[in-house]
Amino acid sequence: MTKVSKEQYEFALAKVEELLPLIGDDTPSNDKNAIELTLMSEIVISYEKEHFPIEKPTVSELIEFSLEEKGMSQKELAIEIGISPSRINDYIAGRSEPTLKIARLLCRVLNIPPAAMLGM
């Protein structure tokens, strides 16, 4: 696909908003509106990938999000993996990175995929 201009993006975005209510699960894929929605969506996606890339979460964000998701405190996590609460706070504040051994424990306790912890 060629480079999408801001004007083309804004037009496509408005068109997507206009077409979405007209398309349902039962709309055939060869319907005029369905085809137009697909094309406009591709333009929006192409522009957003280039101009608004999604960054991978940092180790601190992963830990913080996972704690929140599990309803677990920093102190509870520290006890669970056998380190001090201040050490957990250092990881969340980005002041230090966990060792491989601690990262493995964090992944297990918080259900964080190891690849995410490694920034992959």
N, C-alpha and C. Protein backbone atom coordinates (compact mmCIF):
# COMPACT_ATOMS: atom_id res chain seq x y z
N MET A 1 0.85 -1.18 0.00
CA MET A 1 0.00 0.00 0.00
C MET A 1 0.89 1.24 0.00
N THR A 2 0.49 2.27 -0.73
CA THR A 2 1.26 3.51 -0.76
C THR A 2 1.10 4.26 0.56
N LYS A 3 1.98 5.24 0.76
CA LYS A 3 1.95 6.03 2.00
C LYS A 3 0.62 6.78 2.09
N VAL A 4 0.00 6.74 3.26
CA VAL A 4 -1.30 7.35 3.48
C VAL A 4 -1.10 8.74 4.09
N SER A 5 -1.74 9.75 3.50
CA SER A 5 -1.62 11.11 4.03
C SER A 5 -2.57 11.28 5.22
N LYS A 6 -2.33 12.33 5.98
CA LYS A 6 -3.18 12.61 7.14
C LYS A 6 -4.63 12.85 6.68
N GLU A 7 -4.78 13.53 5.57
CA GLU A 7 -6.12 13.83 5.04
C GLU A 7 -6.84 12.53 4.64
N GLN A 8 -6.11 11.63 3.98
CA GLN A 8 -6.70 10.35 3.58
C GLN A 8 -7.09 9.54 4.82
N TYR A 9 -6.22 9.58 5.83
CA TYR A 9 -6.49 8.88 7.09
C TYR A 9 -7.76 9.42 7.73
N GLU A 10 -7.86 10.74 7.83
CA GLU A 10 -9.04 11.35 8.47
C GLU A 10 -10.31 11.04 7.70
N PHE A 11 -10.23 11.04 6.36
CA PHE A 11 -11.39 10.70 5.53
C PHE A 11 -11.79 9.25 5.80
N ALA A 12 -10.79 8.34 5.77
CA ALA A 12 -11.07 6.91 5.97
C ALA A 12 -11.63 6.66 7.36
N LEU A 13 -11.11 7.35 8.37
CA LEU A 13 -11.59 7.19 9.74
C LEU A 13 -13.06 7.61 9.85
N ALA A 14 -13.40 8.73 9.24
CA ALA A 14 -14.79 9.21 9.25
C ALA A 14 -15.69 8.22 8.52
N LYS A 15 -15.19 7.68 7.43
CA LYS A 15 -15.98 6.72 6.64
C LYS A 15 -16.21 5.43 7.43
N VAL A 16 -15.19 4.97 8.16
CA VAL A 16 -15.33 3.77 8.99
C VAL A 16 -16.43 4.00 10.03
N GLU A 17 -16.41 5.16 10.68
CA GLU A 17 -17.43 5.49 11.69
C GLU A 17 -18.83 5.50 11.07
N GLU A 18 -18.91 5.97 9.86
CA GLU A 18 -20.19 6.05 9.14
C GLU A 18 -20.68 4.66 8.73
N LEU A 19 -19.76 3.79 8.33
CA LEU A 19 -20.14 2.47 7.81
C LEU A 19 -20.37 1.41 8.89
N LEU A 20 -19.68 1.53 10.02
CA LEU A 20 -19.79 0.51 11.07
C LEU A 20 -21.23 0.17 11.46
N PRO A 21 -22.09 1.17 11.71
CA PRO A 21 -23.46 0.82 12.10
C PRO A 21 -24.27 0.11 11.00
N LEU A 22 -23.81 0.20 9.76
CA LEU A 22 -24.54 -0.40 8.64
C LEU A 22 -24.18 -1.86 8.41
N ILE A 23 -23.12 -2.32 9.07
CA ILE A 23 -22.61 -3.68 8.84
C ILE A 23 -22.90 -4.53 10.07
N GLY A 24 -23.45 -5.70 9.84
CA GLY A 24 -23.72 -6.64 10.94
C GLY A 24 -23.06 -7.98 10.65
N ASP A 25 -23.19 -8.91 11.57
CA ASP A 25 -22.60 -10.23 11.39
C ASP A 25 -23.20 -10.97 10.20
N ASP A 26 -24.43 -10.60 9.86
CA ASP A 26 -25.11 -11.28 8.76
C ASP A 26 -24.91 -10.59 7.41
N THR A 27 -24.14 -9.50 7.38
CA THR A 27 -23.88 -8.78 6.13
C THR A 27 -22.92 -9.60 5.28
N PRO A 28 -23.31 -9.88 4.02
CA PRO A 28 -22.41 -10.66 3.16
C PRO A 28 -21.12 -9.89 2.87
N SER A 29 -20.01 -10.64 2.72
CA SER A 29 -18.71 -9.99 2.50
C SER A 29 -18.63 -9.26 1.16
N ASN A 30 -19.53 -9.59 0.23
CA ASN A 30 -19.51 -8.90 -1.06
C ASN A 30 -20.48 -7.71 -1.09
N ASP A 31 -21.05 -7.35 0.06
CA ASP A 31 -21.91 -6.18 0.16
C ASP A 31 -21.06 -4.93 -0.08
N LYS A 32 -21.62 -3.96 -0.80
CA LYS A 32 -20.90 -2.71 -1.14
C LYS A 32 -20.35 -2.03 0.10
N ASN A 33 -21.15 -1.91 1.14
CA ASN A 33 -20.70 -1.25 2.37
C ASN A 33 -19.62 -2.06 3.09
N ALA A 34 -19.74 -3.38 3.06
CA ALA A 34 -18.75 -4.24 3.71
C ALA A 34 -17.40 -4.11 3.01
N ILE A 35 -17.42 -4.07 1.69
CA ILE A 35 -16.19 -3.91 0.92
C ILE A 35 -15.56 -2.56 1.21
N GLU A 36 -16.37 -1.51 1.21
CA GLU A 36 -15.86 -0.17 1.48
C GLU A 36 -15.30 -0.09 2.90
N LEU A 37 -15.97 -0.71 3.86
CA LEU A 37 -15.50 -0.71 5.24
C LEU A 37 -14.12 -1.40 5.34
N THR A 38 -13.96 -2.50 4.66
CA THR A 38 -12.68 -3.21 4.66
C THR A 38 -11.57 -2.33 4.09
N LEU A 39 -11.83 -1.69 2.97
CA LEU A 39 -10.83 -0.83 2.34
C LEU A 39 -10.47 0.37 3.23
N MET A 40 -11.48 1.00 3.79
CA MET A 40 -11.25 2.16 4.66
C MET A 40 -10.49 1.74 5.92
N SER A 41 -10.82 0.56 6.46
CA SER A 41 -10.14 0.05 7.65
C SER A 41 -8.67 -0.20 7.37
N GLU A 42 -8.36 -0.72 6.18
CA GLU A 42 -6.97 -0.98 5.81
C GLU A 42 -6.18 0.33 5.75
N ILE A 43 -6.79 1.39 5.26
CA ILE A 43 -6.13 2.69 5.21
C ILE A 43 -5.86 3.20 6.63
N VAL A 44 -6.86 3.08 7.50
CA VAL A 44 -6.71 3.53 8.89
C VAL A 44 -5.60 2.73 9.58
N ILE A 45 -5.61 1.42 9.43
CA ILE A 45 -4.61 0.56 10.06
C ILE A 45 -3.21 0.89 9.56
N SER A 46 -3.07 1.08 8.26
CA SER A 46 -1.77 1.40 7.67
C SER A 46 -1.22 2.71 8.24
N TYR A 47 -2.04 3.72 8.32
CA TYR A 47 -1.62 5.03 8.85
C TYR A 47 -1.26 4.92 10.32
N GLU A 48 -2.10 4.24 11.09
CA GLU A 48 -1.87 4.15 12.54
C GLU A 48 -0.62 3.33 12.87
N LYS A 49 -0.35 2.29 12.09
CA LYS A 49 0.88 1.51 12.32
C LYS A 49 2.11 2.38 12.15
N GLU A 50 2.07 3.28 11.17
CA GLU A 50 3.22 4.14 10.91
C GLU A 50 3.32 5.29 11.92
N HIS A 51 2.19 5.90 12.25
CA HIS A 51 2.21 7.11 13.07
C HIS A 51 1.94 6.90 14.56
N PHE A 52 1.33 5.80 14.92
CA PHE A 52 1.01 5.52 16.33
C PHE A 52 1.42 4.10 16.70
N PRO A 53 2.71 3.77 16.55
CA PRO A 53 3.11 2.40 16.86
C PRO A 53 2.90 2.09 18.35
N ILE A 54 2.57 0.85 18.63
CA ILE A 54 2.35 0.43 20.01
C ILE A 54 3.68 -0.11 20.54
N GLU A 55 4.16 0.52 21.60
CA GLU A 55 5.41 0.10 22.22
C GLU A 55 5.16 -1.13 23.08
N LYS A 56 6.18 -1.97 23.17
CA LYS A 56 6.09 -3.13 24.06
C LYS A 56 6.17 -2.62 25.50
N PRO A 57 5.43 -3.23 26.41
CA PRO A 57 5.48 -2.77 27.80
C PRO A 57 6.85 -3.04 28.42
N THR A 58 7.25 -2.16 29.33
CA THR A 58 8.51 -2.34 30.04
C THR A 58 8.31 -3.38 31.13
N VAL A 59 9.41 -3.85 31.72
CA VAL A 59 9.34 -4.81 32.81
C VAL A 59 8.53 -4.21 33.95
N SER A 60 8.78 -2.94 34.27
CA SER A 60 8.04 -2.31 35.37
C SER A 60 6.54 -2.25 35.07
N GLU A 61 6.17 -1.94 33.83
CA GLU A 61 4.75 -1.91 33.46
C GLU A 61 4.12 -3.30 33.54
N LEU A 62 4.87 -4.32 33.11
CA LEU A 62 4.37 -5.69 33.18
C LEU A 62 4.07 -6.09 34.62
N ILE A 63 5.01 -5.79 35.51
CA ILE A 63 4.84 -6.15 36.92
C ILE A 63 3.67 -5.38 37.51
N GLU A 64 3.64 -4.08 37.27
CA GLU A 64 2.58 -3.24 37.83
C GLU A 64 1.20 -3.68 37.34
N PHE A 65 1.08 -3.91 36.04
CA PHE A 65 -0.20 -4.34 35.46
C PHE A 65 -0.62 -5.69 36.02
N SER A 66 0.34 -6.61 36.11
CA SER A 66 0.03 -7.96 36.59
C SER A 66 -0.39 -7.96 38.05
N LEU A 67 0.26 -7.12 38.87
CA LEU A 67 -0.14 -6.99 40.27
C LEU A 67 -1.58 -6.51 40.37
N GLU A 68 -1.88 -5.49 39.58
CA GLU A 68 -3.23 -4.91 39.57
C GLU A 68 -4.25 -5.96 39.14
N GLU A 69 -3.92 -6.69 38.07
CA GLU A 69 -4.81 -7.70 37.52
C GLU A 69 -5.10 -8.81 38.54
N LYS A 70 -4.08 -9.19 39.32
CA LYS A 70 -4.24 -10.25 40.31
C LYS A 70 -4.77 -9.73 41.65
N GLY A 71 -4.85 -8.40 41.79
CA GLY A 71 -5.29 -7.83 43.06
C GLY A 71 -4.28 -8.11 44.17
N MET A 72 -3.02 -8.11 43.81
CA MET A 72 -1.95 -8.46 44.74
C MET A 72 -1.14 -7.21 45.08
N SER A 73 -0.69 -7.10 46.31
CA SER A 73 0.13 -5.94 46.70
C SER A 73 1.60 -6.24 46.42
N GLN A 74 2.41 -5.19 46.43
CA GLN A 74 3.85 -5.36 46.25
C GLN A 74 4.42 -6.21 47.39
N LYS A 75 3.90 -5.99 48.58
CA LYS A 75 4.37 -6.74 49.75
C LYS A 75 4.05 -8.23 49.60
N GLU A 76 2.83 -8.54 49.15
CA GLU A 76 2.45 -9.94 48.94
C GLU A 76 3.34 -10.61 47.91
N LEU A 77 3.64 -9.88 46.83
CA LEU A 77 4.50 -10.42 45.79
C LEU A 77 5.90 -10.66 46.35
N ALA A 78 6.40 -9.70 47.11
CA ALA A 78 7.73 -9.83 47.70
C ALA A 78 7.83 -11.09 48.57
N ILE A 79 6.82 -11.31 49.40
CA ILE A 79 6.79 -12.50 50.27
C ILE A 79 6.74 -13.76 49.42
N GLU A 80 5.90 -13.74 48.40
CA GLU A 80 5.72 -14.92 47.53
C GLU A 80 7.03 -15.34 46.85
N ILE A 81 7.83 -14.37 46.41
CA ILE A 81 9.06 -14.74 45.69
C ILE A 81 10.32 -14.61 46.55
N GLY A 82 10.16 -14.21 47.82
CA GLY A 82 11.28 -14.21 48.75
C GLY A 82 12.26 -13.07 48.62
N ILE A 83 11.76 -11.88 48.28
CA ILE A 83 12.63 -10.69 48.25
C ILE A 83 11.96 -9.57 49.02
N SER A 84 12.67 -8.47 49.21
CA SER A 84 12.11 -7.37 50.00
C SER A 84 11.10 -6.56 49.18
N PRO A 85 10.08 -5.99 49.86
CA PRO A 85 9.12 -5.13 49.17
C PRO A 85 9.80 -3.93 48.49
N SER A 86 10.88 -3.43 49.09
CA SER A 86 11.56 -2.30 48.47
C SER A 86 12.19 -2.71 47.13
N ARG A 87 12.59 -3.97 47.02
CA ARG A 87 13.16 -4.47 45.76
C ARG A 87 12.07 -4.49 44.68
N ILE A 88 10.87 -4.94 45.04
CA ILE A 88 9.74 -4.93 44.10
C ILE A 88 9.48 -3.49 43.66
N ASN A 89 9.50 -2.58 44.62
CA ASN A 89 9.27 -1.17 44.31
C ASN A 89 10.34 -0.64 43.35
N ASP A 90 11.58 -1.08 43.51
CA ASP A 90 12.66 -0.67 42.59
C ASP A 90 12.36 -1.14 41.17
N TYR A 91 11.84 -2.37 41.03
CA TYR A 91 11.50 -2.89 39.70
C TYR A 91 10.38 -2.07 39.07
N ILE A 92 9.35 -1.77 39.87
CA ILE A 92 8.21 -1.02 39.35
C ILE A 92 8.58 0.41 39.01
N ALA A 93 9.46 1.00 39.81
CA ALA A 93 9.89 2.38 39.55
C ALA A 93 10.92 2.45 38.43
N GLY A 94 11.41 1.29 37.97
CA GLY A 94 12.38 1.27 36.90
C GLY A 94 13.80 1.57 37.38
N ARG A 95 14.02 1.54 38.70
CA ARG A 95 15.36 1.82 39.24
C ARG A 95 16.31 0.63 39.06
N SER A 96 15.74 -0.56 38.92
CA SER A 96 16.58 -1.74 38.68
C SER A 96 15.78 -2.80 37.93
N GLU A 97 16.52 -3.73 37.35
CA GLU A 97 15.92 -4.83 36.58
C GLU A 97 16.08 -6.12 37.39
N PRO A 98 15.10 -7.00 37.34
CA PRO A 98 15.23 -8.27 38.07
C PRO A 98 16.30 -9.16 37.46
N THR A 99 16.93 -9.97 38.30
CA THR A 99 17.87 -10.98 37.80
C THR A 99 17.06 -12.03 37.04
N LEU A 100 17.74 -12.88 36.34
CA LEU A 100 17.06 -13.93 35.58
C LEU A 100 16.25 -14.84 36.52
N LYS A 101 16.83 -15.17 37.66
CA LYS A 101 16.15 -16.02 38.64
C LYS A 101 14.87 -15.34 39.13
N ILE A 102 14.96 -14.06 39.48
CA ILE A 102 13.79 -13.31 39.97
C ILE A 102 12.78 -13.12 38.84
N ALA A 103 13.25 -12.85 37.63
CA ALA A 103 12.35 -12.69 36.48
C ALA A 103 11.54 -13.97 36.27
N ARG A 104 12.20 -15.11 36.42
CA ARG A 104 11.52 -16.39 36.25
C ARG A 104 10.41 -16.54 37.31
N LEU A 105 10.72 -16.16 38.56
CA LEU A 105 9.72 -16.22 39.63
C LEU A 105 8.56 -15.25 39.37
N LEU A 106 8.90 -14.05 38.92
CA LEU A 106 7.86 -13.05 38.60
C LEU A 106 6.92 -13.59 37.52
N CYS A 107 7.50 -14.21 36.50
CA CYS A 107 6.69 -14.77 35.41
C CYS A 107 5.74 -15.84 35.95
N ARG A 108 6.27 -16.70 36.81
CA ARG A 108 5.46 -17.80 37.34
C ARG A 108 4.35 -17.27 38.24
N VAL A 109 4.70 -16.41 39.19
CA VAL A 109 3.73 -15.92 40.17
C VAL A 109 2.69 -15.00 39.53
N LEU A 110 3.13 -14.14 38.60
CA LEU A 110 2.22 -13.15 38.01
C LEU A 110 1.63 -13.59 36.67
N ASN A 111 1.96 -14.80 36.23
CA ASN A 111 1.48 -15.31 34.93
C ASN A 111 1.89 -14.39 33.78
N ILE A 112 3.12 -13.92 33.81
CA ILE A 112 3.65 -13.09 32.73
C ILE A 112 4.37 -14.02 31.76
N PRO A 113 4.06 -13.96 30.46
CA PRO A 113 4.79 -14.79 29.51
C PRO A 113 6.28 -14.42 29.53
N PRO A 114 7.18 -15.41 29.61
CA PRO A 114 8.62 -15.10 29.63
C PRO A 114 9.08 -14.23 28.47
N ALA A 115 8.51 -14.43 27.29
CA ALA A 115 8.90 -13.62 26.13
C ALA A 115 8.58 -12.14 26.37
N ALA A 116 7.48 -11.86 27.04
CA ALA A 116 7.12 -10.47 27.35
C ALA A 116 8.12 -9.88 28.32
N MET A 117 8.53 -10.66 29.31
CA MET A 117 9.49 -10.19 30.30
C MET A 117 10.83 -9.86 29.65
N LEU A 118 11.17 -10.62 28.58
CA LEU A 118 12.42 -10.41 27.87
C LEU A 118 12.30 -9.33 26.79
N GLY A 119 11.10 -8.75 26.66
CA GLY A 119 10.91 -7.67 25.69
C GLY A 119 10.79 -8.15 24.26
N MET A 120 10.36 -9.39 24.08
CA MET A 120 10.25 -9.95 22.72
C MET A 120 8.84 -9.77 22.19
